[in-house]
Amino acid sequence: MSTFERLQALLHKDFDLPLEKLERETRLEELDIDSLRMIEILFCVEDAFKISVPAEQFELKARLQTFGDLVGYIDSLVRPGMDPEA
């Protein structure tokens, strides 16, 4: 299962987000993911993916604008050295 699929399943199950809205181009604000909710999501992601999220919250807010950005960021932590923009 890809990071994209795992993250879709996690956000659908734990945060009750509709699967049909969890597409790469969907903006996080369209999913009602604010700063506080992002922190909650990242705690779940850390547990589910067995990773540690090192970035500061303000850096993440600027860097992560879409669901695809979040998937790429998680991929870069799961597979160190991977380009998150790829």
N, C-alpha and C. Protein backbone atom coordinates (compact mmCIF):
# COMPACT_ATOMS: atom_id res chain seq x y z
N MET A 1 0.85 -1.18 0.00
CA MET A 1 0.00 0.00 0.00
C MET A 1 0.90 1.24 0.00
N SER A 2 0.59 2.18 -0.85
CA SER A 2 1.40 3.40 -0.98
C SER A 2 1.13 4.36 0.19
N THR A 3 2.01 5.32 0.35
CA THR A 3 1.82 6.35 1.37
C THR A 3 0.50 7.07 1.13
N PHE A 4 0.21 7.37 -0.13
CA PHE A 4 -1.03 8.04 -0.50
C PHE A 4 -2.24 7.25 0.01
N GLU A 5 -2.26 5.95 -0.28
CA GLU A 5 -3.38 5.10 0.12
C GLU A 5 -3.46 4.95 1.64
N ARG A 6 -2.31 4.79 2.28
CA ARG A 6 -2.30 4.66 3.75
C ARG A 6 -2.80 5.94 4.41
N LEU A 7 -2.38 7.09 3.89
CA LEU A 7 -2.80 8.36 4.47
C LEU A 7 -4.29 8.60 4.22
N GLN A 8 -4.76 8.25 3.04
CA GLN A 8 -6.20 8.34 2.77
C GLN A 8 -6.99 7.53 3.80
N ALA A 9 -6.60 6.30 4.00
CA ALA A 9 -7.30 5.41 4.93
C ALA A 9 -7.25 5.96 6.35
N LEU A 10 -6.09 6.45 6.77
CA LEU A 10 -5.93 7.00 8.11
C LEU A 10 -6.82 8.21 8.34
N LEU A 11 -6.81 9.15 7.40
CA LEU A 11 -7.60 10.36 7.56
C LEU A 11 -9.10 10.08 7.46
N HIS A 12 -9.46 9.10 6.65
CA HIS A 12 -10.86 8.73 6.55
C HIS A 12 -11.34 8.08 7.85
N LYS A 13 -10.55 7.15 8.36
CA LYS A 13 -10.94 6.40 9.55
C LYS A 13 -10.87 7.25 10.82
N ASP A 14 -9.75 7.90 11.04
CA ASP A 14 -9.54 8.61 12.31
C ASP A 14 -10.09 10.03 12.35
N PHE A 15 -10.25 10.65 11.19
CA PHE A 15 -10.69 12.05 11.16
C PHE A 15 -11.98 12.25 10.37
N ASP A 16 -12.58 11.15 9.95
CA ASP A 16 -13.87 11.17 9.27
C ASP A 16 -13.88 12.08 8.03
N LEU A 17 -12.78 12.08 7.30
CA LEU A 17 -12.71 12.86 6.06
C LEU A 17 -13.15 11.96 4.91
N PRO A 18 -14.00 12.48 4.01
CA PRO A 18 -14.49 11.66 2.90
C PRO A 18 -13.38 11.27 1.93
N LEU A 19 -13.33 9.99 1.59
CA LEU A 19 -12.28 9.49 0.68
C LEU A 19 -12.27 10.22 -0.65
N GLU A 20 -13.44 10.56 -1.17
CA GLU A 20 -13.50 11.21 -2.48
C GLU A 20 -12.87 12.60 -2.47
N LYS A 21 -12.71 13.20 -1.31
CA LYS A 21 -12.06 14.51 -1.22
C LYS A 21 -10.55 14.41 -0.99
N LEU A 22 -10.07 13.22 -0.67
CA LEU A 22 -8.65 13.05 -0.37
C LEU A 22 -7.87 12.74 -1.64
N GLU A 23 -7.72 13.76 -2.46
CA GLU A 23 -6.96 13.67 -3.72
C GLU A 23 -5.74 14.57 -3.61
N ARG A 24 -4.73 14.28 -4.41
CA ARG A 24 -3.46 15.01 -4.32
C ARG A 24 -3.62 16.53 -4.42
N GLU A 25 -4.52 16.98 -5.29
CA GLU A 25 -4.65 18.42 -5.53
C GLU A 25 -5.56 19.13 -4.53
N THR A 26 -6.23 18.38 -3.65
CA THR A 26 -7.14 18.99 -2.69
C THR A 26 -6.36 19.81 -1.67
N ARG A 27 -6.76 21.07 -1.53
CA ARG A 27 -6.11 21.95 -0.56
C ARG A 27 -6.53 21.55 0.85
N LEU A 28 -5.59 21.59 1.79
CA LEU A 28 -5.88 21.20 3.16
C LEU A 28 -6.97 22.07 3.78
N GLU A 29 -7.01 23.33 3.41
CA GLU A 29 -8.06 24.21 3.95
C GLU A 29 -9.44 23.77 3.49
N GLU A 30 -9.53 23.16 2.31
CA GLU A 30 -10.82 22.63 1.83
C GLU A 30 -11.28 21.45 2.68
N LEU A 31 -10.34 20.80 3.35
CA LEU A 31 -10.65 19.66 4.21
C LEU A 31 -10.84 20.10 5.66
N ASP A 32 -10.86 21.41 5.87
CA ASP A 32 -10.98 21.99 7.22
C ASP A 32 -9.84 21.55 8.13
N ILE A 33 -8.64 21.46 7.55
CA ILE A 33 -7.46 21.11 8.34
C ILE A 33 -6.74 22.41 8.68
N ASP A 34 -6.93 22.86 9.92
CA ASP A 34 -6.25 24.06 10.40
C ASP A 34 -4.99 23.63 11.16
N SER A 35 -4.32 24.57 11.78
CA SER A 35 -3.06 24.27 12.47
C SER A 35 -3.22 23.23 13.57
N LEU A 36 -4.28 23.37 14.37
CA LEU A 36 -4.50 22.43 15.46
C LEU A 36 -4.79 21.03 14.93
N ARG A 37 -5.64 20.96 13.93
CA ARG A 37 -5.97 19.65 13.36
C ARG A 37 -4.75 19.02 12.69
N MET A 38 -3.90 19.84 12.09
CA MET A 38 -2.68 19.32 11.47
C MET A 38 -1.78 18.67 12.52
N ILE A 39 -1.70 19.27 13.69
CA ILE A 39 -0.90 18.68 14.76
C ILE A 39 -1.47 17.32 15.15
N GLU A 40 -2.78 17.24 15.28
CA GLU A 40 -3.43 15.96 15.61
C GLU A 40 -3.14 14.92 14.53
N ILE A 41 -3.24 15.34 13.28
CA ILE A 41 -2.98 14.43 12.16
C ILE A 41 -1.53 13.95 12.19
N LEU A 42 -0.61 14.87 12.44
CA LEU A 42 0.80 14.49 12.44
C LEU A 42 1.14 13.53 13.58
N PHE A 43 0.48 13.67 14.73
CA PHE A 43 0.68 12.70 15.81
C PHE A 43 0.24 11.31 15.35
N CYS A 44 -0.90 11.23 14.69
CA CYS A 44 -1.39 9.95 14.17
C CYS A 44 -0.45 9.40 13.10
N VAL A 45 0.03 10.28 12.23
CA VAL A 45 0.95 9.87 11.17
C VAL A 45 2.23 9.32 11.77
N GLU A 46 2.75 9.99 12.81
CA GLU A 46 3.98 9.49 13.45
C GLU A 46 3.79 8.07 13.96
N ASP A 47 2.66 7.81 14.60
CA ASP A 47 2.38 6.47 15.11
C ASP A 47 2.19 5.46 13.98
N ALA A 48 1.40 5.81 13.00
CA ALA A 48 1.06 4.88 11.92
C ALA A 48 2.26 4.55 11.03
N PHE A 49 3.10 5.55 10.76
CA PHE A 49 4.22 5.36 9.84
C PHE A 49 5.55 5.12 10.56
N LYS A 50 5.52 5.17 11.90
CA LYS A 50 6.74 4.97 12.70
C LYS A 50 7.84 5.95 12.30
N ILE A 51 7.46 7.24 12.24
CA ILE A 51 8.40 8.30 11.89
C ILE A 51 8.32 9.40 12.93
N SER A 52 9.23 10.36 12.83
CA SER A 52 9.21 11.54 13.67
C SER A 52 9.14 12.76 12.75
N VAL A 53 8.24 13.67 13.06
CA VAL A 53 8.08 14.88 12.26
C VAL A 53 8.91 15.99 12.89
N PRO A 54 10.04 16.36 12.27
CA PRO A 54 10.96 17.30 12.88
C PRO A 54 10.65 18.79 12.66
N ALA A 55 9.88 19.12 11.66
CA ALA A 55 9.70 20.53 11.28
C ALA A 55 8.84 21.28 12.29
N GLU A 56 9.11 22.56 12.37
CA GLU A 56 8.31 23.45 13.21
C GLU A 56 6.96 23.69 12.55
N GLN A 57 5.96 23.99 13.35
CA GLN A 57 4.60 24.16 12.84
C GLN A 57 4.50 25.24 11.77
N PHE A 58 5.17 26.37 11.96
CA PHE A 58 5.06 27.45 10.96
C PHE A 58 5.70 27.04 9.64
N GLU A 59 6.73 26.21 9.69
CA GLU A 59 7.36 25.71 8.47
C GLU A 59 6.40 24.77 7.73
N LEU A 60 5.73 23.92 8.49
CA LEU A 60 4.79 22.98 7.88
C LEU A 60 3.61 23.70 7.24
N LYS A 61 3.11 24.73 7.91
CA LYS A 61 1.96 25.47 7.39
C LYS A 61 2.31 26.08 6.03
N ALA A 62 3.52 26.60 5.88
CA ALA A 62 3.94 27.19 4.62
C ALA A 62 4.22 26.12 3.56
N ARG A 63 4.74 24.98 4.00
CA ARG A 63 5.17 23.94 3.07
C ARG A 63 4.03 23.04 2.60
N LEU A 64 3.08 22.77 3.48
CA LEU A 64 2.03 21.80 3.18
C LEU A 64 0.73 22.52 2.87
N GLN A 65 0.41 22.60 1.59
CA GLN A 65 -0.79 23.29 1.15
C GLN A 65 -1.87 22.34 0.65
N THR A 66 -1.45 21.19 0.11
CA THR A 66 -2.40 20.23 -0.45
C THR A 66 -2.20 18.85 0.18
N PHE A 67 -3.16 17.99 -0.06
CA PHE A 67 -3.04 16.60 0.40
C PHE A 67 -1.80 15.95 -0.21
N GLY A 68 -1.53 16.25 -1.46
CA GLY A 68 -0.34 15.72 -2.13
C GLY A 68 0.95 16.21 -1.48
N ASP A 69 0.97 17.46 -1.02
CA ASP A 69 2.14 17.97 -0.30
C ASP A 69 2.38 17.16 0.97
N LEU A 70 1.30 16.85 1.68
CA LEU A 70 1.40 16.07 2.91
C LEU A 70 1.91 14.67 2.61
N VAL A 71 1.41 14.05 1.56
CA VAL A 71 1.88 12.72 1.16
C VAL A 71 3.38 12.76 0.84
N GLY A 72 3.80 13.75 0.06
CA GLY A 72 5.21 13.88 -0.30
C GLY A 72 6.10 14.10 0.91
N TYR A 73 5.62 14.91 1.85
CA TYR A 73 6.39 15.18 3.07
C TYR A 73 6.55 13.90 3.89
N ILE A 74 5.48 13.14 4.03
CA ILE A 74 5.57 11.88 4.78
C ILE A 74 6.50 10.91 4.07
N ASP A 75 6.40 10.83 2.75
CA ASP A 75 7.32 9.97 1.97
C ASP A 75 8.77 10.35 2.23
N SER A 76 9.05 11.64 2.31
CA SER A 76 10.44 12.09 2.53
C SER A 76 10.94 11.68 3.91
N LEU A 77 10.03 11.52 4.88
CA LEU A 77 10.42 11.08 6.22
C LEU A 77 10.52 9.56 6.31
N VAL A 78 9.65 8.88 5.56
CA VAL A 78 9.67 7.42 5.55
C VAL A 78 10.89 6.91 4.80
N ARG A 79 11.19 7.61 3.70
CA ARG A 79 12.34 7.22 2.85
C ARG A 79 13.31 8.38 2.81
N PRO A 80 14.17 8.50 3.81
CA PRO A 80 15.12 9.63 3.83
C PRO A 80 15.91 9.74 2.54
N GLY A 81 16.09 10.97 2.10
CA GLY A 81 16.81 11.23 0.87
C GLY A 81 15.92 11.35 -0.33
N MET A 82 14.66 10.98 -0.18
CA MET A 82 13.71 11.10 -1.29
C MET A 82 13.31 12.54 -1.44
N ASP A 83 13.21 13.01 -2.67
CA ASP A 83 12.79 14.38 -2.94
C ASP A 83 11.28 14.49 -2.74
N PRO A 84 10.81 15.30 -1.76
CA PRO A 84 9.38 15.39 -1.50
C PRO A 84 8.61 16.05 -2.63
N GLU A 85 9.29 16.70 -3.56
CA GLU A 85 8.62 17.35 -4.68
C GLU A 85 8.42 16.37 -5.84
N ALA A 86 9.03 15.20 -5.77
CA ALA A 86 8.94 14.23 -6.87
C ALA A 86 7.59 13.56 -6.92
